[in-house]
Amino acid sequence: MSGPSFTQELRQRQTQSLVLAPQLRQSLKILQVAALDLRSVIQEELQNNPALEELPMEDLNIDRAAAEAAAASDAPDDDDDNPPPPATADPREEMDFSKEFEILAKLDEDWRDYMAGAGGNQPRTTEDAERRQHFFDSLVSETSLQEHLAGQADLADLAPQAREAMNHLIGSLDDRGFLTQTPNDIALQSQLPLDAVQQAHTLLKTLDPPGIGCQTLAECLLLQLAAKGRENTLAAAIVREHFDLLARRRIPDLARKLGATTEDVQTAIGEISALDPAPGRRFAEDSNRVVVPDVTVAKDDDEWLVTLNNDYIPRLRISGTYRELIAKGTLTKTEREYLRERIRSGKFLINSIEQRQQTIERITREILKMQRDFFEEGVSRLKPLTMTRIAEAVGVHETTVSRAIANKYIKTPHGVFEFKYFFTPGYQSEDGASVSNTSVKEMLHELITTEDRAKPLSDQDLVVKLQEKGLNIARRTVAKYREELGLLPSNLRREYA
């Protein structure tokens, strides 16, 4: 079967399943969202479903005891004192969600077939593994830069042509947040008046994050300084008037041309270095998000304990009032069918929340098992780990693992980390040990922060230093990791006495 036709068939099968069973979309959403967001999803369902009610905390233990007693006696959902409902309305039958979860399992199988057809289950190189990781992260990505900007632009009072121009401008941004076309080119291609494009461009450069919509790095940095009220500082003068000297870090020349001391110039360059040269890329992660750990892993004596955070998840139950209404047999057929569907929907929600918690706990226990050295000793002992290994251990597909860990955090003895932090490709050292790329980045960070600032290490020097540690890594990979760490190249790190 060819790639495109298979992809189309997969998409059709998924779409058909999810349209026929909208509750499955809810189940996937429940699996994906973090604890804080899950509370909002549940509260919305509580408002829309009269058969659901939140269990007060003081009644939680009583309800649990009653449930255990009912399970022990194999009692039906309705009270024994009430007349039994018709056979077609047996509440016990409503608890069977095997069909829905079979469809979810089928989606897992479809993804497994698709990934196998796309080139096998195991990545061959570190770069392949990173691209694969990016694919799974994309399945659960949050608001994009374009969506973020469009939401702000919608609040602005723009004329129709300027609003259309804004859409073209936003669509012309690269992942850094820079324009890939000039306003003149956009005006020609879109057949919009140049003044409308320029009006939209002026507004775009005032939106959050600061520095968006520029055509050059210097303009981007100046916008960020202006946003901080620092447009009349030495740092702004360096960027505005002598950007070429800044790029070459010619501190003595800058000091002479600006009539400043070398110490003042170095302080100004430090301020510039703290700016974001690619403000659009911050949307890979949400830095303003309140982080609440979904799971805590802690050691008690010699035993590691995994504890799920249930504090933000409302406890739900089916309202006994509505079950009694069905049992009494006084409702019309339409009313009875409506309530039966609401009760079934409520029970499916409760079941989905339970499955979510079980899946997260099982994934956490497997991470603990495979990254035991990290939990015992810290970041430097993080090992390479793929979602494939965890998925096989848990018995689900990688897409399920990807959704289950999305936007979630785990509290460890070494701090709070995103779940995806534990999934990283790696390298084989000369002594046969596996080293994650996260650990490699930590090594690079340590080498650079402890270097002689008068003679900083070039990327090739860093390659040699890593080789001395038994790691053979290409220079371009070292440069890539250095940039991801937010560290400047050696010529810009040099400090003059």
Protein backbone atom coordinates (compact mmCIF):
# COMPACT_ATOMS: atom_id res chain seq x y z
CA MET A 1 0.00 0.00 0.00
CA SER A 2 1.44 3.38 -1.01
CA GLY A 3 2.24 6.06 1.57
CA PRO A 4 -0.28 8.77 0.49
CA SER A 5 -3.22 6.35 0.04
CA PHE A 6 -2.49 4.72 3.38
CA THR A 7 -2.30 8.12 5.10
CA GLN A 8 -5.62 9.11 3.52
CA GLU A 9 -7.23 5.84 4.61
CA LEU A 10 -5.87 6.29 8.15
CA ARG A 11 -7.26 9.81 8.30
CA GLN A 12 -10.65 8.63 7.02
CA ARG A 13 -10.84 5.80 9.56
CA GLN A 14 -9.91 8.15 12.39
CA THR A 15 -12.37 10.81 11.29
CA GLN A 16 -15.23 8.31 10.92
CA SER A 17 -14.60 6.83 14.35
CA LEU A 18 -14.40 10.18 16.10
CA VAL A 19 -17.45 11.65 14.35
CA LEU A 20 -19.52 8.60 15.28
CA ALA A 21 -18.29 8.70 18.89
CA PRO A 22 -17.64 12.30 20.02
CA GLN A 23 -17.02 11.01 23.55
CA LEU A 24 -13.77 9.54 22.23
CA ARG A 25 -12.53 13.03 21.44
CA GLN A 26 -13.30 13.93 25.02
CA SER A 27 -11.39 10.88 26.25
CA LEU A 28 -8.31 11.88 24.22
CA LYS A 29 -8.59 15.44 25.51
CA ILE A 30 -8.82 14.23 29.11
CA LEU A 31 -5.69 12.15 28.59
CA GLN A 32 -3.81 15.09 27.11
CA VAL A 33 -4.58 18.05 29.40
CA ALA A 34 -2.73 18.83 32.63
CA ALA A 35 -4.42 18.58 36.02
CA LEU A 36 -5.24 22.30 36.22
CA ASP A 37 -6.84 22.26 32.76
CA LEU A 38 -8.62 18.98 33.44
CA ARG A 39 -10.56 20.65 36.24
CA SER A 40 -11.93 23.19 33.73
CA VAL A 41 -12.93 20.40 31.33
CA ILE A 42 -14.74 18.55 34.10
CA GLN A 43 -16.48 21.69 35.37
CA GLU A 44 -17.77 22.35 31.85
CA GLU A 45 -19.16 18.82 31.66
CA LEU A 46 -20.78 19.26 35.09
CA GLN A 47 -22.63 22.30 33.77
CA ASN A 48 -23.81 20.49 30.64
CA ASN A 49 -24.74 17.13 32.16
CA PRO A 50 -27.47 17.17 34.85
CA ALA A 51 -26.82 13.50 35.66
CA LEU A 52 -23.33 14.31 36.96
CA GLU A 53 -22.55 15.78 40.35
CA GLU A 54 -19.35 16.57 42.20
CA LEU A 55 -18.79 14.59 45.33
CA PRO A 56 -18.18 16.85 48.35
CA MET A 57 -14.93 16.08 50.12
CA GLU A 58 -16.71 15.25 53.37
CA ASP A 59 -18.78 12.62 51.56
CA LEU A 60 -15.85 11.06 49.72
CA ASN A 61 -15.03 8.40 52.29
CA ILE A 62 -18.71 7.57 52.80
CA ASP A 63 -19.23 7.18 49.05
CA ARG A 64 -16.13 5.02 48.72
CA ALA A 65 -17.31 2.73 51.51
CA ALA A 66 -20.73 2.43 49.90
CA ALA A 67 -19.17 1.59 46.56
CA GLU A 68 -17.00 -1.11 48.11
CA ALA A 69 -20.01 -2.59 49.87
CA ALA A 70 -22.01 -2.56 46.65
CA ALA A 71 -19.18 -4.25 44.77
CA ALA A 72 -18.85 -6.90 47.45
CA SER A 73 -22.53 -7.77 47.21
CA ASP A 74 -22.64 -7.41 43.41
CA ALA A 75 -25.50 -5.00 43.91
CA PRO A 76 -27.08 -3.22 40.91
CA ASP A 77 -26.65 0.54 40.46
CA ASP A 78 -30.21 1.33 41.56
CA ASP A 79 -31.58 0.89 45.09
CA ASP A 80 -33.12 -2.51 45.78
CA ASP A 81 -36.26 -0.82 47.16
CA ASN A 82 -37.07 0.69 43.77
CA PRO A 83 -38.75 -1.29 41.00
CA PRO A 84 -36.19 -2.61 38.53
CA PRO A 85 -35.97 -0.66 35.30
CA PRO A 86 -36.80 -2.29 31.98
CA ALA A 87 -34.18 -4.73 30.70
CA THR A 88 -33.11 -2.32 27.96
CA ALA A 89 -32.38 0.31 30.59
CA ASP A 90 -30.30 -1.80 32.96
CA PRO A 91 -27.76 0.66 34.48
CA ARG A 92 -25.20 -2.14 34.72
CA GLU A 93 -25.31 -2.42 30.96
CA GLU A 94 -24.48 1.29 30.72
CA MET A 95 -21.13 0.62 32.40
CA ASP A 96 -19.84 -1.40 29.43
CA PHE A 97 -17.64 0.93 27.40
CA SER A 98 -15.66 -1.80 25.70
CA LYS A 99 -16.79 -0.67 22.25
CA GLU A 100 -15.54 2.90 22.76
CA PHE A 101 -12.21 1.84 24.16
CA GLU A 102 -11.84 -0.75 21.40
CA ILE A 103 -12.01 2.16 18.94
CA LEU A 104 -9.30 3.97 20.90
CA ALA A 105 -7.20 0.82 20.77
CA LYS A 106 -7.85 0.60 17.02
CA LEU A 107 -6.54 4.15 16.61
CA ASP A 108 -3.41 2.99 18.40
CA GLU A 109 -3.07 0.12 15.92
CA ASP A 110 -3.60 2.47 12.96
CA TRP A 111 -0.84 4.73 14.21
CA ARG A 112 1.44 1.73 14.71
CA ASP A 113 0.77 0.59 11.12
CA TYR A 114 1.29 4.12 9.81
CA MET A 115 4.62 4.61 11.61
CA ALA A 116 5.80 1.18 10.50
CA GLY A 117 4.92 2.04 6.90
CA ALA A 118 6.67 5.37 7.23
CA GLY A 119 10.01 3.77 7.92
CA GLY A 120 10.00 1.43 10.88
CA ASN A 121 9.63 1.87 14.59
CA GLN A 122 13.22 2.58 15.62
CA PRO A 123 15.10 5.76 14.65
CA ARG A 124 18.54 5.09 13.17
CA THR A 125 20.39 8.22 14.27
CA THR A 126 20.20 10.86 16.97
CA GLU A 127 18.87 13.38 14.45
CA ASP A 128 16.22 10.87 13.30
CA ALA A 129 15.19 10.43 16.93
CA GLU A 130 14.95 14.19 17.44
CA ARG A 131 12.77 14.57 14.35
CA ARG A 132 10.60 11.71 15.59
CA GLN A 133 10.29 13.40 18.99
CA HIS A 134 9.27 16.64 17.25
CA PHE A 135 6.53 14.71 15.42
CA PHE A 136 5.02 13.42 18.66
CA ASP A 137 5.33 16.81 20.36
CA SER A 138 3.46 18.29 17.40
CA LEU A 139 0.51 16.01 18.07
CA VAL A 140 -0.13 17.84 21.32
CA SER A 141 1.27 21.29 20.56
CA GLU A 142 -0.24 24.31 22.24
CA THR A 143 -1.11 27.73 20.76
CA SER A 144 1.15 28.58 17.82
CA LEU A 145 2.87 31.92 17.29
CA GLN A 146 0.46 32.68 14.44
CA GLU A 147 -2.59 31.93 16.61
CA HIS A 148 -1.16 34.03 19.43
CA LEU A 149 -0.63 37.02 17.14
CA ALA A 150 -3.94 36.64 15.33
CA GLY A 151 -5.77 36.70 18.66
CA GLN A 152 -4.15 40.02 19.53
CA ALA A 153 -4.74 41.46 16.05
CA ASP A 154 -8.45 40.61 16.28
CA LEU A 155 -8.72 43.06 19.19
CA ALA A 156 -7.28 45.92 17.15
CA ASP A 157 -9.37 48.45 15.26
CA LEU A 158 -8.14 47.78 11.74
CA ALA A 159 -9.73 48.65 8.43
CA PRO A 160 -10.68 45.60 6.30
CA GLN A 161 -7.67 45.94 3.96
CA ALA A 162 -5.24 46.43 6.86
CA ARG A 163 -6.72 43.37 8.59
CA GLU A 164 -6.21 41.30 5.44
CA ALA A 165 -2.65 42.62 5.24
CA MET A 166 -2.09 41.59 8.86
CA ASN A 167 -3.06 38.01 7.95
CA HIS A 168 -0.50 38.03 5.14
CA LEU A 169 2.19 39.42 7.43
CA ILE A 170 1.55 36.86 10.15
CA GLY A 171 1.66 34.12 7.53
CA SER A 172 5.04 35.41 6.35
CA LEU A 173 6.80 35.01 9.71
CA ASP A 174 9.43 32.31 10.15
CA ASP A 175 9.88 30.30 13.33
CA ARG A 176 12.04 33.09 14.81
CA GLY A 177 9.21 35.59 14.36
CA PHE A 178 11.02 37.43 11.53
CA LEU A 179 9.38 38.55 8.28
CA THR A 180 10.47 36.48 5.30
CA GLN A 181 9.14 39.08 2.82
CA THR A 182 9.28 42.86 2.76
CA PRO A 183 6.04 44.87 3.13
CA ASN A 184 6.52 45.99 -0.50
CA ASP A 185 6.63 42.37 -1.70
CA ILE A 186 3.57 41.48 0.36
CA ALA A 187 1.68 44.45 -1.07
CA LEU A 188 2.54 43.38 -4.63
CA GLN A 189 1.65 39.71 -4.09
CA SER A 190 -1.59 40.38 -2.19
CA GLN A 191 -2.71 43.29 -4.42
CA LEU A 192 -3.30 45.33 -1.26
CA PRO A 193 -2.43 49.03 -0.90
CA LEU A 194 1.07 49.57 0.44
CA ASP A 195 -0.19 51.95 3.14
CA ALA A 196 -2.53 49.19 4.45
CA VAL A 197 0.38 46.75 4.63
CA GLN A 198 2.57 49.32 6.36
CA GLN A 199 -0.19 50.11 8.87
CA ALA A 200 -0.54 46.42 9.67
CA HIS A 201 3.24 46.03 9.91
CA THR A 202 3.48 48.93 12.37
CA LEU A 203 0.83 47.28 14.55
CA LEU A 204 2.45 43.84 14.25
CA LYS A 205 5.69 45.15 15.74
CA THR A 206 3.78 46.32 18.84
CA LEU A 207 2.33 42.89 19.60
CA ASP A 208 3.59 40.37 22.12
CA PRO A 209 6.25 39.00 22.23
CA PRO A 210 8.43 42.11 21.71
CA GLY A 211 10.65 41.90 18.65
CA ILE A 212 8.10 40.17 16.44
CA GLY A 213 7.69 41.18 12.78
CA CYS A 214 11.20 42.54 12.19
CA GLN A 215 13.37 41.96 9.16
CA THR A 216 16.76 42.15 10.87
CA LEU A 217 18.22 41.02 14.17
CA ALA A 218 19.24 44.59 15.01
CA GLU A 219 15.67 45.83 14.59
CA CYS A 220 14.41 42.94 16.72
CA LEU A 221 16.82 43.77 19.56
CA LEU A 222 16.00 47.49 19.39
CA LEU A 223 12.27 46.75 19.69
CA GLN A 224 12.92 44.65 22.78
CA LEU A 225 15.03 47.39 24.36
CA ALA A 226 12.29 49.93 23.58
CA ALA A 227 9.69 47.66 25.20
CA LYS A 228 11.82 47.77 28.37
CA GLY A 229 12.12 51.57 28.19
CA ARG A 230 15.82 51.23 27.30
CA GLU A 231 15.80 52.85 23.86
CA ASN A 232 18.12 55.68 24.94
CA THR A 233 20.79 53.56 26.61
CA LEU A 234 24.33 52.64 25.62
CA ALA A 235 23.07 49.16 24.69
CA ALA A 236 20.60 50.67 22.22
CA ALA A 237 23.28 52.91 20.74
CA ILE A 238 25.57 49.92 20.18
CA VAL A 239 22.84 47.99 18.34
CA ARG A 240 21.58 50.99 16.39
CA GLU A 241 24.90 52.55 15.34
CA HIS A 242 27.58 49.86 15.52
CA PHE A 243 25.93 46.48 15.06
CA ASP A 244 28.80 45.23 12.88
CA LEU A 245 31.29 45.90 15.69
CA LEU A 246 28.95 44.22 18.17
CA ALA A 247 28.77 41.10 15.98
CA ARG A 248 32.56 40.93 16.01
CA ARG A 249 32.63 41.89 19.69
CA ARG A 250 35.14 44.66 19.09
CA ILE A 251 34.85 46.09 22.59
CA PRO A 252 37.83 48.48 22.41
CA ASP A 253 36.56 49.94 19.11
CA LEU A 254 33.06 50.33 20.52
CA ALA A 255 34.37 52.07 23.62
CA ARG A 256 36.43 54.50 21.51
CA LYS A 257 33.62 55.35 19.06
CA LEU A 258 31.00 55.79 21.81
CA GLY A 259 33.26 57.57 24.29
CA ALA A 260 32.58 54.93 26.94
CA THR A 261 34.76 52.72 29.12
CA THR A 262 35.33 49.09 28.18
CA GLU A 263 33.58 48.11 31.42
CA ASP A 264 30.46 50.09 30.43
CA VAL A 265 30.51 48.52 26.96
CA GLN A 266 30.81 45.01 28.39
CA THR A 267 27.87 45.74 30.73
CA ALA A 268 25.81 46.98 27.78
CA ILE A 269 26.71 43.88 25.75
CA GLY A 270 25.61 41.78 28.70
CA GLU A 271 22.24 43.54 28.57
CA ILE A 272 22.01 42.85 24.82
CA SER A 273 22.94 39.20 25.33
CA ALA A 274 19.96 38.82 27.69
CA LEU A 275 17.55 39.74 24.86
CA ASP A 276 15.85 37.08 22.74
CA PRO A 277 17.28 36.86 19.19
CA ALA A 278 14.35 34.66 18.11
CA PRO A 279 11.21 35.69 20.06
CA GLY A 280 8.95 33.48 17.98
CA ARG A 281 10.63 30.29 19.18
CA ARG A 282 9.46 30.72 22.76
CA PHE A 283 6.13 29.23 21.69
CA ALA A 284 7.73 25.78 21.82
CA GLU A 285 7.03 26.07 25.54
CA ASP A 286 4.81 28.28 27.68
CA SER A 287 7.00 30.20 30.11
CA ASN A 288 4.03 31.89 31.81
CA ARG A 289 2.25 28.70 32.70
CA VAL A 290 1.67 27.89 36.36
CA VAL A 291 3.50 24.61 36.89
CA VAL A 292 1.68 22.13 39.09
CA PRO A 293 3.29 18.67 39.20
CA ASP A 294 0.91 15.96 38.01
CA VAL A 295 2.99 13.25 39.69
CA THR A 296 5.47 13.16 42.55
CA VAL A 297 8.26 10.58 42.74
CA ALA A 298 9.91 10.47 46.16
CA LYS A 299 12.00 8.03 48.14
CA ASP A 300 10.73 6.71 51.47
CA ASP A 301 13.58 4.84 53.16
CA ASP A 302 14.70 2.47 50.39
CA GLU A 303 11.43 2.49 48.45
CA TRP A 304 10.49 4.83 45.62
CA LEU A 305 6.87 6.02 45.76
CA VAL A 306 4.78 7.34 42.86
CA THR A 307 1.95 9.67 43.93
CA LEU A 308 -0.53 11.21 41.51
CA ASN A 309 -1.77 14.73 42.18
CA ASN A 310 -5.55 14.38 42.46
CA ASP A 311 -6.09 17.67 44.29
CA TYR A 312 -7.25 19.51 41.16
CA ILE A 313 -9.49 16.75 39.82
CA PRO A 314 -13.10 16.91 41.04
CA ARG A 315 -14.56 13.65 42.37
CA LEU A 316 -17.63 12.77 40.33
CA ARG A 317 -20.61 10.48 40.69
CA ILE A 318 -23.92 9.87 38.95
CA SER A 319 -26.81 11.65 40.61
CA GLY A 320 -29.03 9.19 42.45
CA THR A 321 -32.04 11.40 41.76
CA TYR A 322 -31.92 10.83 38.03
CA ARG A 323 -31.32 7.10 38.37
CA GLU A 324 -34.39 6.90 40.60
CA LEU A 325 -36.46 8.78 38.01
CA ILE A 326 -35.59 6.15 35.41
CA ALA A 327 -36.25 3.31 37.85
CA LYS A 328 -39.74 4.59 38.77
CA GLY A 329 -40.90 4.21 35.16
CA THR A 330 -42.91 7.47 35.13
CA LEU A 331 -40.90 9.20 32.40
CA THR A 332 -41.83 9.42 28.76
CA LYS A 333 -39.72 7.49 26.28
CA THR A 334 -37.97 10.68 25.14
CA GLU A 335 -37.21 11.75 28.72
CA ARG A 336 -35.98 8.27 29.63
CA GLU A 337 -33.69 8.06 26.59
CA TYR A 338 -32.31 11.51 27.30
CA LEU A 339 -31.47 10.66 30.91
CA ARG A 340 -30.05 7.26 29.93
CA GLU A 341 -27.71 8.99 27.47
CA ARG A 342 -26.70 11.60 30.07
CA ILE A 343 -26.00 8.89 32.64
CA ARG A 344 -24.00 6.91 30.09
CA SER A 345 -22.05 10.02 29.10
CA GLY A 346 -21.32 10.78 32.76
CA LYS A 347 -20.12 7.26 33.45
CA PHE A 348 -17.91 7.35 30.36
CA LEU A 349 -16.35 10.59 31.64
CA ILE A 350 -15.67 9.03 35.04
CA ASN A 351 -14.21 5.94 33.36
CA SER A 352 -12.00 8.10 31.10
CA ILE A 353 -10.63 10.04 34.07
CA GLU A 354 -9.82 6.76 35.82
CA GLN A 355 -8.07 5.43 32.71
CA ARG A 356 -6.13 8.71 32.38
CA GLN A 357 -4.79 8.45 35.91
CA GLN A 358 -3.89 4.78 35.48
CA THR A 359 -2.05 5.47 32.22
CA ILE A 360 -0.05 8.36 33.71
CA GLU A 361 0.86 6.27 36.75
CA ARG A 362 2.00 3.31 34.63
CA ILE A 363 4.11 5.58 32.41
CA THR A 364 5.67 7.20 35.48
CA ARG A 365 6.57 3.83 36.99
CA GLU A 366 8.25 2.77 33.75
CA ILE A 367 10.20 6.05 33.59
CA LEU A 368 11.28 5.48 37.19
CA LYS A 369 12.40 1.98 36.32
CA MET A 370 14.37 3.03 33.22
CA GLN A 371 15.79 6.28 34.62
CA ARG A 372 16.55 5.02 38.12
CA ASP A 373 20.08 6.49 38.03
CA PHE A 374 18.63 9.94 37.36
CA PHE A 375 16.32 9.76 40.37
CA GLU A 376 19.13 8.45 42.55
CA GLU A 377 21.96 10.77 41.44
CA GLY A 378 20.70 13.62 39.27
CA VAL A 379 20.66 15.08 35.75
CA SER A 380 24.13 13.91 34.78
CA ARG A 381 22.90 10.29 34.93
CA LEU A 382 19.98 10.78 32.55
CA LYS A 383 19.98 8.01 29.93
CA PRO A 384 18.68 7.96 26.37
CA LEU A 385 15.03 6.91 26.34
CA THR A 386 12.43 6.70 23.58
CA MET A 387 8.66 6.67 23.71
CA THR A 388 8.78 3.36 21.88
CA ARG A 389 10.34 1.64 24.91
CA ILE A 390 7.81 3.11 27.32
CA ALA A 391 4.90 2.38 24.98
CA GLU A 392 5.95 -1.26 24.65
CA ALA A 393 6.30 -1.60 28.42
CA VAL A 394 2.91 -0.01 29.11
CA GLY A 395 1.15 -1.76 26.22
CA VAL A 396 0.03 1.30 24.23
CA HIS A 397 1.21 3.15 21.14
CA GLU A 398 3.68 6.04 21.14
CA THR A 399 0.91 8.52 20.28
CA THR A 400 -0.87 7.57 23.49
CA VAL A 401 2.32 8.09 25.50
CA SER A 402 2.85 11.42 23.72
CA ARG A 403 -0.63 12.61 24.68
CA ALA A 404 -0.39 11.25 28.21
CA ILE A 405 2.81 13.19 28.98
CA ALA A 406 1.84 16.38 27.12
CA ASN A 407 1.86 19.54 29.25
CA LYS A 408 2.51 17.51 32.40
CA TYR A 409 5.21 17.73 35.04
CA ILE A 410 6.82 15.33 37.46
CA LYS A 411 8.26 16.35 40.82
CA THR A 412 11.54 14.58 41.64
CA PRO A 413 14.19 14.90 44.36
CA HIS A 414 16.16 17.01 41.85
CA GLY A 415 13.39 19.46 40.96
CA VAL A 416 10.27 19.64 38.80
CA PHE A 417 10.67 18.49 35.20
CA GLU A 418 8.42 18.14 32.19
CA PHE A 419 7.65 14.50 31.44
CA LYS A 420 9.14 14.91 27.97
CA TYR A 421 12.46 15.83 29.62
CA PHE A 422 12.99 12.12 30.29
CA PHE A 423 12.65 11.22 26.60
CA THR A 424 15.86 12.05 24.82
CA PRO A 425 18.07 10.45 22.19
CA GLY A 426 21.70 9.93 23.04
CA TYR A 427 25.15 8.73 22.19
CA GLN A 428 27.32 5.74 22.90
CA SER A 429 30.55 6.60 24.67
CA GLU A 430 33.80 4.74 23.94
CA ASP A 431 33.39 2.67 27.10
CA GLY A 432 29.97 1.48 25.92
CA ALA A 433 27.89 3.65 28.26
CA SER A 434 24.78 5.41 26.93
CA VAL A 435 24.74 9.19 27.38
CA SER A 436 21.63 11.29 26.70
CA ASN A 437 21.87 14.47 24.65
CA THR A 438 20.57 16.31 27.74
CA SER A 439 23.66 15.17 29.63
CA VAL A 440 25.82 16.24 26.67
CA LYS A 441 24.26 19.69 26.84
CA GLU A 442 25.02 19.84 30.54
CA MET A 443 28.67 18.98 29.78
CA LEU A 444 28.82 21.74 27.16
CA HIS A 445 27.27 24.23 29.57
CA GLU A 446 29.84 23.37 32.22
CA LEU A 447 32.75 23.61 29.75
CA ILE A 448 31.65 27.04 28.54
CA THR A 449 30.79 28.54 31.92
CA THR A 450 34.17 27.51 33.36
CA GLU A 451 36.29 28.55 30.36
CA ASP A 452 38.88 31.32 30.26
CA ARG A 453 36.76 34.26 29.03
CA ALA A 454 39.82 35.88 27.49
CA LYS A 455 40.32 32.71 25.37
CA PRO A 456 36.87 31.14 24.98
CA LEU A 457 36.48 27.66 23.54
CA SER A 458 35.46 27.45 19.89
CA ASP A 459 32.95 24.82 18.79
CA GLN A 460 35.84 22.71 17.50
CA ASP A 461 37.58 23.06 20.88
CA LEU A 462 34.38 21.79 22.50
CA VAL A 463 34.35 18.80 20.12
CA VAL A 464 37.88 17.93 21.29
CA LYS A 465 36.91 18.33 24.96
CA LEU A 466 33.98 15.94 24.49
CA GLN A 467 36.22 13.46 22.68
CA GLU A 468 38.44 13.49 25.75
CA LYS A 469 35.35 12.35 27.68
CA GLY A 470 34.85 9.49 25.18
CA LEU A 471 32.08 11.17 23.13
CA ASN A 472 32.43 11.62 19.37
CA ILE A 473 29.99 14.38 18.38
CA ALA A 474 30.02 16.43 15.18
CA ARG A 475 30.90 20.12 15.37
CA ARG A 476 27.58 21.16 13.83
CA THR A 477 25.78 19.21 16.56
CA VAL A 478 27.86 20.97 19.22
CA ALA A 479 26.94 24.32 17.64
CA LYS A 480 23.28 23.34 17.60
CA TYR A 481 23.28 22.33 21.27
CA ARG A 482 25.17 25.50 22.22
CA GLU A 483 22.52 27.62 20.50
CA GLU A 484 19.74 25.68 22.23
CA LEU A 485 21.42 26.48 25.54
CA GLY A 486 21.34 30.17 24.62
CA LEU A 487 25.15 30.44 24.61
CA LEU A 488 26.94 32.74 22.19
CA PRO A 489 29.73 31.62 19.81
CA SER A 490 33.30 32.04 21.06
CA ASN A 491 33.97 35.34 19.25
CA LEU A 492 31.02 36.92 21.08
CA ARG A 493 31.93 35.40 24.46
CA ARG A 494 35.44 36.88 24.50
CA GLU A 495 36.02 39.50 27.19
CA TYR A 496 38.75 42.12 26.97
CA ALA A 497 40.79 43.18 29.97
